[in-house]
Protein backbone atom coordinates (compact mmCIF):
# COMPACT_ATOMS: atom_id res chain seq x y z
CA UNK A 1 73.56 138.35 82.54
CA UNK A 2 70.26 138.56 84.32
CA UNK A 3 67.26 140.20 82.70
CA UNK A 4 67.16 143.91 83.44
CA UNK A 5 70.94 144.30 83.33
CA UNK A 6 70.77 146.63 80.37
CA UNK A 7 71.04 149.47 79.93
CA UNK A 8 74.09 149.69 82.18
CA UNK A 9 74.57 152.83 84.29
CA UNK A 10 76.40 155.64 82.47
CA UNK A 11 79.48 155.41 84.72
CA UNK A 12 79.95 151.74 83.75
CA UNK A 13 79.44 152.45 80.05
CA UNK A 14 82.04 155.24 80.30
CA UNK A 15 84.61 152.96 81.94
CA UNK A 16 83.95 150.25 79.36
CA UNK A 17 84.29 152.70 76.48
CA UNK A 18 87.64 153.92 77.80
CA UNK A 19 89.27 150.66 78.89
CA UNK A 20 91.92 148.68 77.03
CA UNK A 21 90.36 145.33 77.86
CA UNK A 22 87.91 143.48 80.05
CA UNK A 23 87.87 140.25 82.04
CA UNK A 24 84.72 138.19 82.28
CA UNK A 25 83.63 135.52 84.69
CA UNK A 26 83.05 131.96 83.54
CA UNK A 27 80.69 129.47 85.16
CA UNK A 28 83.16 126.75 86.16
CA UNK A 29 80.36 124.57 87.56
CA UNK A 30 80.02 123.17 84.03
CA UNK A 31 83.60 121.96 84.37
CA UNK A 32 83.68 120.66 87.94
CA UNK A 33 80.21 119.43 88.88
CA UNK A 34 79.66 115.88 87.55
CA UNK A 35 75.92 116.54 87.24
CA UNK A 36 76.54 119.59 85.03
CA UNK A 37 79.66 118.43 83.18
CA UNK A 38 79.64 119.70 79.62
CA UNK A 39 82.61 118.35 77.66
CA UNK A 40 82.22 120.90 74.86
CA UNK A 41 82.30 123.71 77.43
CA UNK A 42 85.34 122.13 79.08
CA UNK A 43 87.20 121.95 75.77
CA UNK A 44 86.26 125.53 74.88
CA UNK A 45 87.41 126.74 78.31
CA UNK A 46 90.71 124.86 78.07
CA UNK A 47 91.40 126.19 74.58
CA UNK A 48 90.87 129.75 75.80
CA UNK A 49 93.59 129.35 78.43
CA UNK A 50 96.44 129.13 75.92
CA UNK A 51 97.59 131.24 73.01
CA UNK A 52 97.19 129.33 69.77
CA UNK A 53 99.23 131.75 67.64
CA UNK A 54 102.64 130.93 69.15
CA UNK A 55 102.70 134.01 71.36
CA UNK A 56 103.13 134.00 75.12
CA UNK A 57 101.87 136.16 77.97
CA UNK A 58 104.75 138.68 77.77
CA UNK A 59 103.72 139.35 74.16
CA UNK A 60 100.36 140.63 75.39
CA UNK A 61 101.15 142.65 78.52
CA UNK A 62 103.72 145.26 79.44
CA UNK A 63 107.11 144.24 80.82
CA UNK A 64 106.26 146.19 83.98
CA UNK A 65 103.10 144.15 84.52
CA UNK A 66 104.85 140.88 83.74
CA UNK A 67 107.66 141.50 86.19
CA UNK A 68 105.65 143.01 89.05
CA UNK A 69 106.26 141.24 92.35
CA UNK A 70 103.34 139.07 93.38
CA UNK A 71 101.72 140.19 96.60
CA UNK A 72 100.43 136.76 97.58
């Protein structure tokens, strides 16, 4: 995050404190730009895309969320 990001505004801190989870962005340029390619970053990114404990997506989200009709 850029310098000066913290402290976050109170309304963001409140949402964060009361949420069940967060999603973060990942700089995919390290994975797709040949001039920036970082194999360690690519392996770390790939490993994070799968569950390594034998579980699957339905084990981590509600049935309602899993079965919701896609809008796209």
